[in-house]
Amino acid sequence: QVHLAESGGGLVQAGGSLRISCVASGASGSDFSRAAVAWYRQVPGKERVLVARFRAFGGTNYADAVQGRFTISRDNAKKVIYLQMNSLKPEDTAVYYCYCLARWGQGTQVTVSS
């Protein structure tokens, strides 16, 4: 069974950078490498929203709010998904979740102080 585990969240000042990771255990290498993967975020009282997506056959999509600041990447050999976040803003504060192979991770808190 596929299990996703995020890490790397924390507290950072506005303008700073952070990289969060998501390890997919229990997935075969071929399944992972073909899968679409994504990062979402959620703040209390609001819906979970897409931040960045890596499509199954290549190519990426980003939310307008993070375009040019965030970069999604993946390491298929290690079965890891990354989200590099630069020029962070207080409004980026949220719990960040990875999504892959119909599974969600438990989330990692990112807090950006002003």
N, C-alpha and C. Protein backbone atom coordinates (compact mmCIF):
# COMPACT_ATOMS: atom_id res chain seq x y z
N GLN A 1 0.84 -1.18 0.00
CA GLN A 1 0.00 0.00 0.00
C GLN A 1 0.88 1.24 0.00
N VAL A 2 0.49 2.22 -0.79
CA VAL A 2 1.28 3.44 -0.91
C VAL A 2 1.09 4.33 0.32
N HIS A 3 2.18 4.83 0.83
CA HIS A 3 2.16 5.76 1.95
C HIS A 3 3.02 6.96 1.60
N LEU A 4 2.46 8.15 1.83
CA LEU A 4 3.19 9.39 1.54
C LEU A 4 3.55 10.09 2.84
N ALA A 5 4.76 10.57 2.93
CA ALA A 5 5.20 11.25 4.13
C ALA A 5 5.93 12.54 3.76
N GLU A 6 5.34 13.68 4.16
CA GLU A 6 5.96 14.97 3.90
C GLU A 6 6.93 15.34 5.01
N SER A 7 7.87 16.18 4.67
CA SER A 7 8.80 16.71 5.67
C SER A 7 9.38 18.02 5.15
N GLY A 8 10.03 18.76 6.05
CA GLY A 8 10.72 19.97 5.63
C GLY A 8 9.99 21.26 5.94
N GLY A 9 8.78 21.18 6.46
CA GLY A 9 8.07 22.39 6.81
C GLY A 9 8.71 23.08 8.00
N GLY A 10 8.24 24.29 8.27
CA GLY A 10 8.77 25.02 9.40
C GLY A 10 8.41 26.49 9.35
N LEU A 11 9.12 27.26 10.15
CA LEU A 11 8.90 28.70 10.25
C LEU A 11 10.00 29.43 9.48
N VAL A 12 9.60 30.36 8.63
CA VAL A 12 10.57 31.11 7.84
C VAL A 12 10.08 32.55 7.73
N GLN A 13 11.02 33.47 7.61
CA GLN A 13 10.64 34.87 7.45
C GLN A 13 10.22 35.16 6.02
N ALA A 14 9.40 36.16 5.87
CA ALA A 14 8.99 36.58 4.54
C ALA A 14 10.22 36.90 3.69
N GLY A 15 10.16 36.45 2.44
CA GLY A 15 11.30 36.61 1.54
C GLY A 15 12.24 35.43 1.54
N GLY A 16 12.08 34.55 2.49
CA GLY A 16 12.97 33.40 2.62
C GLY A 16 12.55 32.25 1.73
N SER A 17 13.28 31.15 1.86
CA SER A 17 13.04 29.96 1.05
C SER A 17 12.91 28.73 1.92
N LEU A 18 12.24 27.75 1.37
CA LEU A 18 12.05 26.48 2.06
C LEU A 18 11.84 25.41 1.00
N ARG A 19 12.35 24.22 1.27
CA ARG A 19 12.06 23.10 0.39
C ARG A 19 11.40 22.00 1.20
N ILE A 20 10.24 21.58 0.76
CA ILE A 20 9.55 20.48 1.40
C ILE A 20 9.61 19.25 0.50
N SER A 21 9.54 18.09 1.15
CA SER A 21 9.70 16.82 0.43
C SER A 21 8.56 15.89 0.77
N CYS A 22 8.35 14.94 -0.12
CA CYS A 22 7.32 13.92 0.10
C CYS A 22 7.86 12.60 -0.43
N VAL A 23 8.00 11.64 0.46
CA VAL A 23 8.51 10.33 0.08
C VAL A 23 7.34 9.36 -0.09
N ALA A 24 7.34 8.66 -1.20
CA ALA A 24 6.29 7.68 -1.48
C ALA A 24 6.85 6.29 -1.22
N SER A 25 6.40 5.67 -0.16
CA SER A 25 6.81 4.30 0.14
C SER A 25 5.71 3.35 -0.26
N GLY A 26 6.09 2.12 -0.60
CA GLY A 26 5.11 1.12 -0.97
C GLY A 26 4.70 1.16 -2.42
N ALA A 27 5.22 2.12 -3.17
CA ALA A 27 4.89 2.22 -4.59
C ALA A 27 6.01 1.61 -5.41
N SER A 28 5.65 0.96 -6.50
CA SER A 28 6.69 0.47 -7.38
C SER A 28 7.32 1.64 -8.12
N GLY A 29 8.55 1.46 -8.54
CA GLY A 29 9.22 2.52 -9.27
C GLY A 29 8.50 2.91 -10.54
N SER A 30 7.98 1.91 -11.25
CA SER A 30 7.30 2.21 -12.51
C SER A 30 5.98 2.94 -12.25
N ASP A 31 5.24 2.54 -11.24
CA ASP A 31 3.99 3.24 -10.92
C ASP A 31 4.26 4.69 -10.56
N PHE A 32 5.28 4.89 -9.72
CA PHE A 32 5.58 6.25 -9.29
C PHE A 32 6.02 7.11 -10.46
N SER A 33 6.88 6.58 -11.29
CA SER A 33 7.43 7.39 -12.37
C SER A 33 6.37 7.79 -13.39
N ARG A 34 5.31 7.00 -13.49
CA ARG A 34 4.24 7.33 -14.44
C ARG A 34 3.14 8.18 -13.83
N ALA A 35 3.17 8.33 -12.52
CA ALA A 35 2.06 8.99 -11.83
C ALA A 35 2.15 10.50 -11.91
N ALA A 36 0.99 11.11 -11.99
CA ALA A 36 0.91 12.55 -11.77
C ALA A 36 1.09 12.80 -10.27
N VAL A 37 1.82 13.84 -9.94
CA VAL A 37 2.02 14.16 -8.53
C VAL A 37 1.72 15.63 -8.32
N ALA A 38 1.35 15.98 -7.11
CA ALA A 38 0.94 17.35 -6.88
C ALA A 38 1.17 17.76 -5.43
N TRP A 39 1.25 19.05 -5.25
CA TRP A 39 1.26 19.67 -3.92
C TRP A 39 0.00 20.54 -3.81
N TYR A 40 -0.67 20.40 -2.67
CA TYR A 40 -1.82 21.22 -2.33
C TYR A 40 -1.50 21.92 -1.01
N ARG A 41 -2.31 22.92 -0.70
CA ARG A 41 -2.19 23.54 0.61
C ARG A 41 -3.57 23.91 1.14
N GLN A 42 -3.63 24.01 2.46
CA GLN A 42 -4.91 24.28 3.11
C GLN A 42 -4.68 25.13 4.34
N VAL A 43 -5.53 26.13 4.49
CA VAL A 43 -5.54 26.94 5.71
C VAL A 43 -6.84 26.64 6.44
N PRO A 44 -6.86 26.82 7.74
CA PRO A 44 -8.07 26.49 8.52
C PRO A 44 -9.31 27.20 7.99
N GLY A 45 -10.37 26.42 7.83
CA GLY A 45 -11.63 26.98 7.40
C GLY A 45 -11.78 27.15 5.90
N LYS A 46 -10.75 26.75 5.16
CA LYS A 46 -10.81 26.88 3.70
C LYS A 46 -10.54 25.54 3.04
N GLU A 47 -10.89 25.48 1.76
CA GLU A 47 -10.69 24.25 1.01
C GLU A 47 -9.21 24.03 0.70
N ARG A 48 -8.86 22.79 0.49
CA ARG A 48 -7.52 22.45 0.03
C ARG A 48 -7.40 22.85 -1.43
N VAL A 49 -6.34 23.56 -1.77
CA VAL A 49 -6.20 24.07 -3.13
C VAL A 49 -4.89 23.61 -3.76
N LEU A 50 -4.92 23.46 -5.05
CA LEU A 50 -3.74 23.03 -5.79
C LEU A 50 -2.69 24.13 -5.80
N VAL A 51 -1.45 23.73 -5.52
CA VAL A 51 -0.33 24.66 -5.58
C VAL A 51 0.50 24.41 -6.84
N ALA A 52 0.85 23.15 -7.04
CA ALA A 52 1.69 22.80 -8.19
C ALA A 52 1.44 21.35 -8.55
N ARG A 53 1.55 21.07 -9.82
CA ARG A 53 1.27 19.72 -10.29
C ARG A 53 2.30 19.34 -11.35
N PHE A 54 2.75 18.08 -11.25
CA PHE A 54 3.62 17.52 -12.26
C PHE A 54 2.80 16.47 -12.99
N ARG A 55 2.49 16.72 -14.25
CA ARG A 55 1.60 15.82 -14.97
C ARG A 55 2.28 14.47 -15.27
N ALA A 56 1.48 13.45 -15.45
CA ALA A 56 2.00 12.10 -15.61
C ALA A 56 2.94 11.99 -16.80
N PHE A 57 2.64 12.67 -17.89
CA PHE A 57 3.47 12.55 -19.08
C PHE A 57 4.33 13.77 -19.31
N GLY A 58 4.61 14.48 -18.21
CA GLY A 58 5.51 15.62 -18.30
C GLY A 58 4.77 16.93 -18.28
N GLY A 59 5.47 17.96 -17.92
CA GLY A 59 4.87 19.27 -17.85
C GLY A 59 4.35 19.56 -16.46
N THR A 60 4.31 20.83 -16.13
CA THR A 60 3.89 21.26 -14.81
C THR A 60 2.82 22.34 -14.90
N ASN A 61 2.06 22.46 -13.83
CA ASN A 61 1.10 23.54 -13.67
C ASN A 61 1.29 24.15 -12.30
N TYR A 62 1.10 25.45 -12.21
CA TYR A 62 1.21 26.16 -10.95
C TYR A 62 0.01 27.06 -10.73
N ALA A 63 -0.36 27.22 -9.48
CA ALA A 63 -1.36 28.21 -9.13
C ALA A 63 -0.80 29.60 -9.43
N ASP A 64 -1.67 30.50 -9.83
CA ASP A 64 -1.22 31.86 -10.15
C ASP A 64 -0.48 32.49 -8.97
N ALA A 65 -0.93 32.17 -7.76
CA ALA A 65 -0.36 32.80 -6.57
C ALA A 65 1.11 32.42 -6.33
N VAL A 66 1.55 31.31 -6.92
CA VAL A 66 2.92 30.85 -6.66
C VAL A 66 3.78 30.81 -7.92
N GLN A 67 3.17 31.09 -9.06
CA GLN A 67 3.90 31.05 -10.33
C GLN A 67 5.15 31.93 -10.25
N GLY A 68 6.28 31.36 -10.64
CA GLY A 68 7.53 32.10 -10.63
C GLY A 68 8.27 32.06 -9.31
N ARG A 69 7.63 31.58 -8.27
CA ARG A 69 8.27 31.50 -6.93
C ARG A 69 8.49 30.07 -6.48
N PHE A 70 7.57 29.18 -6.85
CA PHE A 70 7.63 27.79 -6.43
C PHE A 70 8.00 26.91 -7.61
N THR A 71 8.70 25.81 -7.31
CA THR A 71 9.07 24.83 -8.33
C THR A 71 8.83 23.43 -7.81
N ILE A 72 8.05 22.67 -8.54
CA ILE A 72 7.83 21.26 -8.20
C ILE A 72 8.83 20.42 -8.99
N SER A 73 9.34 19.40 -8.33
CA SER A 73 10.25 18.48 -9.01
C SER A 73 10.07 17.09 -8.41
N ARG A 74 10.71 16.13 -9.05
CA ARG A 74 10.58 14.76 -8.57
C ARG A 74 11.86 14.00 -8.85
N ASP A 75 12.11 13.03 -8.00
CA ASP A 75 13.22 12.10 -8.19
C ASP A 75 12.60 10.72 -8.26
N ASN A 76 12.45 10.20 -9.46
CA ASN A 76 11.76 8.92 -9.62
C ASN A 76 12.56 7.76 -9.03
N ALA A 77 13.87 7.86 -9.04
CA ALA A 77 14.69 6.78 -8.48
C ALA A 77 14.49 6.67 -6.97
N LYS A 78 14.34 7.83 -6.32
CA LYS A 78 14.14 7.83 -4.87
C LYS A 78 12.67 7.86 -4.49
N LYS A 79 11.80 8.06 -5.46
CA LYS A 79 10.37 8.18 -5.22
C LYS A 79 10.07 9.33 -4.27
N VAL A 80 10.59 10.47 -4.60
CA VAL A 80 10.43 11.67 -3.79
C VAL A 80 9.90 12.81 -4.66
N ILE A 81 9.01 13.59 -4.08
CA ILE A 81 8.47 14.79 -4.71
C ILE A 81 8.95 15.98 -3.89
N TYR A 82 9.39 17.03 -4.57
CA TYR A 82 9.87 18.21 -3.88
C TYR A 82 9.03 19.43 -4.25
N LEU A 83 9.02 20.40 -3.34
CA LEU A 83 8.47 21.70 -3.65
C LEU A 83 9.45 22.74 -3.12
N GLN A 84 10.14 23.40 -4.03
CA GLN A 84 11.03 24.48 -3.67
C GLN A 84 10.24 25.77 -3.64
N MET A 85 10.26 26.44 -2.50
CA MET A 85 9.47 27.65 -2.32
C MET A 85 10.41 28.81 -2.04
N ASN A 86 10.40 29.78 -2.94
CA ASN A 86 11.24 30.97 -2.80
C ASN A 86 10.38 32.22 -2.64
N SER A 87 11.00 33.28 -2.18
CA SER A 87 10.30 34.56 -2.00
C SER A 87 8.98 34.36 -1.26
N LEU A 88 9.05 33.64 -0.17
CA LEU A 88 7.84 33.28 0.57
C LEU A 88 7.16 34.52 1.14
N LYS A 89 5.83 34.44 1.19
CA LYS A 89 4.99 35.52 1.69
C LYS A 89 4.15 34.99 2.86
N PRO A 90 3.70 35.87 3.74
CA PRO A 90 2.85 35.41 4.84
C PRO A 90 1.61 34.66 4.36
N GLU A 91 1.10 35.02 3.21
CA GLU A 91 -0.09 34.34 2.68
C GLU A 91 0.21 32.93 2.18
N ASP A 92 1.46 32.54 2.15
CA ASP A 92 1.82 31.16 1.82
C ASP A 92 1.69 30.23 3.03
N THR A 93 1.43 30.81 4.18
CA THR A 93 1.28 30.01 5.40
C THR A 93 0.11 29.05 5.25
N ALA A 94 0.37 27.76 5.46
CA ALA A 94 -0.65 26.73 5.28
C ALA A 94 -0.04 25.38 5.65
N VAL A 95 -0.90 24.38 5.69
CA VAL A 95 -0.43 23.00 5.73
C VAL A 95 -0.33 22.53 4.28
N TYR A 96 0.81 22.00 3.94
CA TYR A 96 1.07 21.56 2.58
C TYR A 96 0.97 20.03 2.52
N TYR A 97 0.21 19.55 1.53
CA TYR A 97 -0.01 18.12 1.35
C TYR A 97 0.49 17.69 -0.03
N CYS A 98 1.08 16.51 -0.07
CA CYS A 98 1.40 15.95 -1.38
C CYS A 98 0.32 14.93 -1.74
N TYR A 99 0.16 14.75 -3.04
CA TYR A 99 -0.84 13.83 -3.56
C TYR A 99 -0.21 13.01 -4.67
N CYS A 100 -0.38 11.69 -4.59
CA CYS A 100 0.21 10.81 -5.60
C CYS A 100 -0.48 9.46 -5.50
N LEU A 101 -0.78 8.86 -6.65
CA LEU A 101 -1.37 7.52 -6.70
C LEU A 101 -2.58 7.40 -5.77
N ALA A 102 -3.44 8.41 -5.84
CA ALA A 102 -4.70 8.42 -5.10
C ALA A 102 -4.49 8.41 -3.59
N ARG A 103 -3.37 8.90 -3.14
CA ARG A 103 -3.07 8.96 -1.72
C ARG A 103 -2.69 10.40 -1.33
N TRP A 104 -2.99 10.73 -0.08
CA TRP A 104 -2.57 11.99 0.50
C TRP A 104 -1.54 11.73 1.60
N GLY A 105 -0.61 12.66 1.74
CA GLY A 105 0.26 12.62 2.90
C GLY A 105 -0.45 13.24 4.09
N GLN A 106 0.26 13.26 5.22
CA GLN A 106 -0.34 13.79 6.45
C GLN A 106 -0.22 15.30 6.55
N GLY A 107 0.59 15.89 5.69
CA GLY A 107 0.75 17.34 5.67
C GLY A 107 1.94 17.81 6.46
N THR A 108 2.47 18.95 6.06
CA THR A 108 3.56 19.59 6.78
C THR A 108 3.26 21.09 6.85
N GLN A 109 3.41 21.63 8.05
CA GLN A 109 3.06 23.03 8.29
C GLN A 109 4.18 23.95 7.80
N VAL A 110 3.78 24.94 7.03
CA VAL A 110 4.70 26.00 6.61
C VAL A 110 4.15 27.32 7.14
N THR A 111 4.95 28.02 7.90
CA THR A 111 4.54 29.30 8.47
C THR A 111 5.53 30.37 8.05
N VAL A 112 5.00 31.44 7.45
CA VAL A 112 5.84 32.53 6.98
C VAL A 112 5.52 33.77 7.82
N SER A 113 6.51 34.25 8.53
CA SER A 113 6.30 35.41 9.39
C SER A 113 6.61 36.70 8.61
N SER A 114 5.89 37.75 8.97
CA SER A 114 6.08 39.04 8.27
C SER A 114 7.13 39.89 8.94
